[in-house]
Structures are given as structure tokens and as C-alpha cells.
Amino acid sequence: MSKRGFGDGRWCVVGDFNAVRRREERRGVGQMGQSPSSLETREFNLFLEGLNLEDLCP
């Protein structure tokens, strides 16, 4: 992804990524009754870090 041509200011990215940063964030049960794996949460955290995004809700 690139922000080229969109300016150098701060961005606000909102949406439902269907992923969680920590297992405790998931309410209910996941697919087939399983909670998110540590691999899923690690990959999502790496995705956020790679884009220099911050989670504003601790």
C-alpha cells in the first residue's frame, strides 16, 4: 500500500477488520466455536504495525 499522492498528514482508518489484536477482545465464539489463534492475532498486529497504524481503543 502507498499513501503517495494523498498528502503527508495524519490519517484516520476506521472499519471492521474482522480481526482482533488480543484474544480478550473477541466476544462470543469464532468460527466452529474456536477463539482466534495466536497466529491470527500476531498477523493482524504485524499488519497494523507495517502500516504504522495505532489502535486507539486499548
PDB file of N, CA and C in Angstrom:
ATOM      1  N   MET A   1       0.839  -1.175   0.000  1.00  0.00           N
ATOM      2  CA  MET A   1       0.000   0.000   0.000  1.00  0.00           C
ATOM      3  C   MET A   1       0.882   1.235   0.000  1.00  0.00           C
ATOM      4  N   SER A   2       0.341   2.285  -0.561  1.00  0.00           N
ATOM      5  CA  SER A   2       1.095   3.521  -0.610  1.00  0.00           C
ATOM      6  C   SER A   2       0.163   4.705  -0.381  1.00  0.00           C
ATOM      7  N   LYS A   3       0.673   5.696   0.348  1.00  0.00           N
ATOM      8  CA  LYS A   3      -0.083   6.927   0.561  1.00  0.00           C
ATOM      9  C   LYS A   3       0.332   7.977  -0.461  1.00  0.00           C
ATOM     10  N   ARG A   4       1.148   7.593  -1.421  1.00  0.00           N
ATOM     11  CA  ARG A   4       1.662   8.536  -2.402  1.00  0.00           C
ATOM     12  C   ARG A   4       0.504   9.272  -3.088  1.00  0.00           C
ATOM     13  N   GLY A   5       0.600  10.571  -3.161  1.00  0.00           N
ATOM     14  CA  GLY A   5      -0.420  11.368  -3.809  1.00  0.00           C
ATOM     15  C   GLY A   5      -1.590  11.746  -2.910  1.00  0.00           C
ATOM     16  N   PHE A   6      -1.560  11.307  -1.661  1.00  0.00           N
ATOM     17  CA  PHE A   6      -2.653  11.602  -0.752  1.00  0.00           C
ATOM     18  C   PHE A   6      -2.236  12.557   0.357  1.00  0.00           C
ATOM     19  N   GLY A   7      -1.060  13.099   0.295  1.00  0.00           N
ATOM     20  CA  GLY A   7      -0.604  14.041   1.303  1.00  0.00           C
ATOM     21  C   GLY A   7       0.157  13.363   2.423  1.00  0.00           C
ATOM     22  N   ASP A   8       0.797  14.195   3.239  1.00  0.00           N
ATOM     23  CA  ASP A   8       1.625  13.688   4.328  1.00  0.00           C
ATOM     24  C   ASP A   8       0.966  13.838   5.695  1.00  0.00           C
ATOM     25  N   GLY A   9      -0.267  14.280   5.735  1.00  0.00           N
ATOM     26  CA  GLY A   9      -0.938  14.489   7.012  1.00  0.00           C
ATOM     27  C   GLY A   9      -1.323  13.180   7.683  1.00  0.00           C
ATOM     28  N   ARG A  10      -1.916  13.315   8.844  1.00  0.00           N
ATOM     29  CA  ARG A  10      -2.379  12.129   9.581  1.00  0.00           C
ATOM     30  C   ARG A  10      -3.650  11.585   8.944  1.00  0.00           C
ATOM     31  N   TRP A  11      -3.810  10.297   9.081  1.00  0.00           N
ATOM     32  CA  TRP A  11      -4.990   9.624   8.550  1.00  0.00           C
ATOM     33  C   TRP A  11      -5.753   8.982   9.692  1.00  0.00           C
ATOM     34  N   CYS A  12      -7.037   8.794   9.479  1.00  0.00           N
ATOM     35  CA  CYS A  12      -7.868   8.035  10.405  1.00  0.00           C
ATOM     36  C   CYS A  12      -8.493   6.891   9.606  1.00  0.00           C
ATOM     37  N   VAL A  13      -8.169   5.671   9.986  1.00  0.00           N
ATOM     38  CA  VAL A  13      -8.687   4.490   9.299  1.00  0.00           C
ATOM     39  C   VAL A  13      -9.673   3.817  10.239  1.00  0.00           C
ATOM     40  N   VAL A  14     -10.903   3.664   9.786  1.00  0.00           N
ATOM     41  CA  VAL A  14     -11.927   3.022  10.609  1.00  0.00           C
ATOM     42  C   VAL A  14     -12.568   1.891   9.817  1.00  0.00           C
ATOM     43  N   GLY A  15     -13.077   0.936  10.542  1.00  0.00           N
ATOM     44  CA  GLY A  15     -13.776  -0.154   9.878  1.00  0.00           C
ATOM     45  C   GLY A  15     -13.774  -1.403  10.724  1.00  0.00           C
ATOM     46  N   ASP A  16     -14.403  -2.408  10.190  1.00  0.00           N
ATOM     47  CA  ASP A  16     -14.465  -3.705  10.846  1.00  0.00           C
ATOM     48  C   ASP A  16     -13.522  -4.631  10.103  1.00  0.00           C
ATOM     49  N   PHE A  17     -12.385  -4.913  10.699  1.00  0.00           N
ATOM     50  CA  PHE A  17     -11.379  -5.746  10.046  1.00  0.00           C
ATOM     51  C   PHE A  17     -11.637  -7.240  10.242  1.00  0.00           C
ATOM     52  N   ASN A  18     -12.663  -7.585  11.031  1.00  0.00           N
ATOM     53  CA  ASN A  18     -12.947  -8.995  11.338  1.00  0.00           C
ATOM     54  C   ASN A  18     -11.728  -9.699  11.917  1.00  0.00           C
ATOM     55  N   ALA A  19     -10.960  -8.953  12.677  1.00  0.00           N
ATOM     56  CA  ALA A  19      -9.769  -9.487  13.339  1.00  0.00           C
ATOM     57  C   ALA A  19      -9.621  -8.770  14.670  1.00  0.00           C
ATOM     58  N   VAL A  20      -8.894  -9.381  15.584  1.00  0.00           N
ATOM     59  CA  VAL A  20      -8.672  -8.771  16.892  1.00  0.00           C
ATOM     60  C   VAL A  20      -7.180  -8.741  17.193  1.00  0.00           C
ATOM     61  N   ARG A  21      -6.778  -7.755  17.993  1.00  0.00           N
ATOM     62  CA  ARG A  21      -5.370  -7.642  18.373  1.00  0.00           C
ATOM     63  C   ARG A  21      -5.019  -8.569  19.517  1.00  0.00           C
ATOM     64  N   ARG A  22      -6.008  -8.815  20.395  1.00  0.00           N
ATOM     65  CA  ARG A  22      -5.820  -9.703  21.547  1.00  0.00           C
ATOM     66  C   ARG A  22      -7.029 -10.616  21.646  1.00  0.00           C
ATOM     67  N   ARG A  23      -6.807 -11.828  22.103  1.00  0.00           N
ATOM     68  CA  ARG A  23      -7.897 -12.805  22.210  1.00  0.00           C
ATOM     69  C   ARG A  23      -9.029 -12.305  23.088  1.00  0.00           C
ATOM     70  N   GLU A  24      -8.704 -11.496  24.105  1.00  0.00           N
ATOM     71  CA  GLU A  24      -9.710 -10.998  25.038  1.00  0.00           C
ATOM     72  C   GLU A  24     -10.718 -10.064  24.362  1.00  0.00           C
ATOM     73  N   GLU A  25     -10.374  -9.533  23.206  1.00  0.00           N
ATOM     74  CA  GLU A  25     -11.264  -8.609  22.513  1.00  0.00           C
ATOM     75  C   GLU A  25     -12.432  -9.322  21.838  1.00  0.00           C
ATOM     76  N   ARG A  26     -12.308 -10.598  21.585  1.00  0.00           N
ATOM     77  CA  ARG A  26     -13.351 -11.343  20.875  1.00  0.00           C
ATOM     78  C   ARG A  26     -14.486 -11.669  21.823  1.00  0.00           C
ATOM     79  N   ARG A  27     -15.678 -11.317  21.422  1.00  0.00           N
ATOM     80  CA  ARG A  27     -16.871 -11.648  22.202  1.00  0.00           C
ATOM     81  C   ARG A  27     -17.556 -12.822  21.533  1.00  0.00           C
ATOM     82  N   GLY A  28     -18.095 -13.716  22.314  1.00  0.00           N
ATOM     83  CA  GLY A  28     -18.747 -14.885  21.746  1.00  0.00           C
ATOM     84  C   GLY A  28     -17.708 -15.894  21.292  1.00  0.00           C
ATOM     85  N   VAL A  29     -18.028 -16.616  20.256  1.00  0.00           N
ATOM     86  CA  VAL A  29     -17.103 -17.630  19.745  1.00  0.00           C
ATOM     87  C   VAL A  29     -16.828 -17.376  18.287  1.00  0.00           C
ATOM     88  N   GLY A  30     -15.688 -17.825  17.845  1.00  0.00           N
ATOM     89  CA  GLY A  30     -15.310 -17.682  16.453  1.00  0.00           C
ATOM     90  C   GLY A  30     -15.883 -18.800  15.611  1.00  0.00           C
ATOM     91  N   GLN A  31     -15.381 -18.933  14.434  1.00  0.00           N
ATOM     92  CA  GLN A  31     -15.818 -19.968  13.511  1.00  0.00           C
ATOM     93  C   GLN A  31     -15.606 -21.340  14.127  1.00  0.00           C
ATOM     94  N   MET A  32     -16.616 -22.185  14.069  1.00  0.00           N
ATOM     95  CA  MET A  32     -16.563 -23.551  14.584  1.00  0.00           C
ATOM     96  C   MET A  32     -16.298 -23.568  16.085  1.00  0.00           C
ATOM     97  N   GLY A  33     -16.690 -22.496  16.799  1.00  0.00           N
ATOM     98  CA  GLY A  33     -16.560 -22.473  18.244  1.00  0.00           C
ATOM     99  C   GLY A  33     -15.154 -22.237  18.749  1.00  0.00           C
ATOM    100  N   GLN A  34     -14.252 -21.804  17.878  1.00  0.00           N
ATOM    101  CA  GLN A  34     -12.859 -21.595  18.286  1.00  0.00           C
ATOM    102  C   GLN A  34     -12.589 -20.112  18.477  1.00  0.00           C
ATOM    103  N   SER A  35     -11.761 -19.801  19.451  1.00  0.00           N
ATOM    104  CA  SER A  35     -11.337 -18.419  19.620  1.00  0.00           C
ATOM    105  C   SER A  35     -10.187 -18.167  18.645  1.00  0.00           C
ATOM    106  N   PRO A  36      -9.851 -16.903  18.383  1.00  0.00           N
ATOM    107  CA  PRO A  36      -8.779 -16.618  17.430  1.00  0.00           C
ATOM    108  C   PRO A  36      -7.453 -17.199  17.898  1.00  0.00           C
ATOM    109  N   SER A  37      -6.691 -17.710  16.960  1.00  0.00           N
ATOM    110  CA  SER A  37      -5.397 -18.297  17.305  1.00  0.00           C
ATOM    111  C   SER A  37      -4.365 -17.201  17.526  1.00  0.00           C
ATOM    112  N   SER A  38      -3.279 -17.553  18.169  1.00  0.00           N
ATOM    113  CA  SER A  38      -2.205 -16.583  18.376  1.00  0.00           C
ATOM    114  C   SER A  38      -1.587 -16.195  17.035  1.00  0.00           C
ATOM    115  N   LEU A  39      -1.618 -17.092  16.040  1.00  0.00           N
ATOM    116  CA  LEU A  39      -1.107 -16.759  14.708  1.00  0.00           C
ATOM    117  C   LEU A  39      -1.969 -15.669  14.074  1.00  0.00           C
ATOM    118  N   GLU A  40      -3.288 -15.798  14.194  1.00  0.00           N
ATOM    119  CA  GLU A  40      -4.190 -14.791  13.625  1.00  0.00           C
ATOM    120  C   GLU A  40      -3.969 -13.430  14.267  1.00  0.00           C
ATOM    121  N   THR A  41      -3.870 -13.402  15.580  1.00  0.00           N
ATOM    122  CA  THR A  41      -3.681 -12.122  16.259  1.00  0.00           C
ATOM    123  C   THR A  41      -2.304 -11.543  15.941  1.00  0.00           C
ATOM    124  N   ARG A  42      -1.286 -12.391  15.859  1.00  0.00           N
ATOM    125  CA  ARG A  42       0.060 -11.907  15.529  1.00  0.00           C
ATOM    126  C   ARG A  42       0.090 -11.320  14.118  1.00  0.00           C
ATOM    127  N   GLU A  43      -0.543 -11.995  13.159  1.00  0.00           N
ATOM    128  CA  GLU A  43      -0.563 -11.496  11.782  1.00  0.00           C
ATOM    129  C   GLU A  43      -1.291 -10.159  11.687  1.00  0.00           C
ATOM    130  N   PHE A  44      -2.390 -10.014  12.423  1.00  0.00           N
ATOM    131  CA  PHE A  44      -3.120  -8.750  12.391  1.00  0.00           C
ATOM    132  C   PHE A  44      -2.287  -7.634  13.012  1.00  0.00           C
ATOM    133  N   ASN A  45      -1.611  -7.920  14.112  1.00  0.00           N
ATOM    134  CA  ASN A  45      -0.742  -6.917  14.734  1.00  0.00           C
ATOM    135  C   ASN A  45       0.392  -6.515  13.796  1.00  0.00           C
ATOM    136  N   LEU A  46       0.970  -7.471  13.083  1.00  0.00           N
ATOM    137  CA  LEU A  46       2.029  -7.158  12.118  1.00  0.00           C
ATOM    138  C   LEU A  46       1.492  -6.298  10.975  1.00  0.00           C
ATOM    139  N   PHE A  47       0.273  -6.585  10.542  1.00  0.00           N
ATOM    140  CA  PHE A  47      -0.382  -5.789   9.503  1.00  0.00           C
ATOM    141  C   PHE A  47      -0.519  -4.335   9.953  1.00  0.00           C
ATOM    142  N   LEU A  48      -1.022  -4.135  11.175  1.00  0.00           N
ATOM    143  CA  LEU A  48      -1.190  -2.781  11.702  1.00  0.00           C
ATOM    144  C   LEU A  48       0.152  -2.068  11.837  1.00  0.00           C
ATOM    145  N   GLU A  49       1.147  -2.770  12.367  1.00  0.00           N
ATOM    146  CA  GLU A  49       2.472  -2.178  12.549  1.00  0.00           C
ATOM    147  C   GLU A  49       3.106  -1.828  11.208  1.00  0.00           C
ATOM    148  N   GLY A  50       2.929  -2.692  10.211  1.00  0.00           N
ATOM    149  CA  GLY A  50       3.506  -2.450   8.891  1.00  0.00           C
ATOM    150  C   GLY A  50       2.977  -1.193   8.231  1.00  0.00           C
ATOM    151  N   LEU A  51       1.754  -0.816   8.563  1.00  0.00           N
ATOM    152  CA  LEU A  51       1.156   0.399   8.015  1.00  0.00           C
ATOM    153  C   LEU A  51       1.256   1.576   8.976  1.00  0.00           C
ATOM    154  N   ASN A  52       1.966   1.377  10.076  1.00  0.00           N
ATOM    155  CA  ASN A  52       2.116   2.410  11.109  1.00  0.00           C
ATOM    156  C   ASN A  52       0.766   2.879  11.642  1.00  0.00           C
ATOM    157  N   LEU A  53      -0.167   1.935  11.803  1.00  0.00           N
ATOM    158  CA  LEU A  53      -1.477   2.253  12.362  1.00  0.00           C
ATOM    159  C   LEU A  53      -1.463   2.018  13.860  1.00  0.00           C
ATOM    160  N   GLU A  54      -2.250   2.802  14.579  1.00  0.00           N
ATOM    161  CA  GLU A  54      -2.359   2.660  16.029  1.00  0.00           C
ATOM    162  C   GLU A  54      -3.794   2.341  16.394  1.00  0.00           C
ATOM    163  N   ASP A  55      -3.974   1.473  17.348  1.00  0.00           N
ATOM    164  CA  ASP A  55      -5.292   1.155  17.878  1.00  0.00           C
ATOM    165  C   ASP A  55      -5.598   2.167  18.969  1.00  0.00           C
ATOM    166  N   LEU A  56      -6.650   2.948  18.796  1.00  0.00           N
ATOM    167  CA  LEU A  56      -6.979   3.985  19.771  1.00  0.00           C
ATOM    168  C   LEU A  56      -7.797   3.465  20.937  1.00  0.00           C
ATOM    169  N   CYS A  57      -8.285   2.246  20.846  1.00  0.00           N
ATOM    170  CA  CYS A  57      -9.042   1.633  21.944  1.00  0.00           C
ATOM    171  C   CYS A  57      -8.165   0.587  22.611  1.00  0.00           C
ATOM    172  N   PRO A  58      -7.698   0.872  23.826  1.00  0.00           N
ATOM    173  CA  PRO A  58      -6.791  -0.088  24.481  1.00  0.00           C
ATOM    174  C   PRO A  58      -7.471  -1.388  24.855  1.00  0.00           C
TER     175      PRO A  58
END
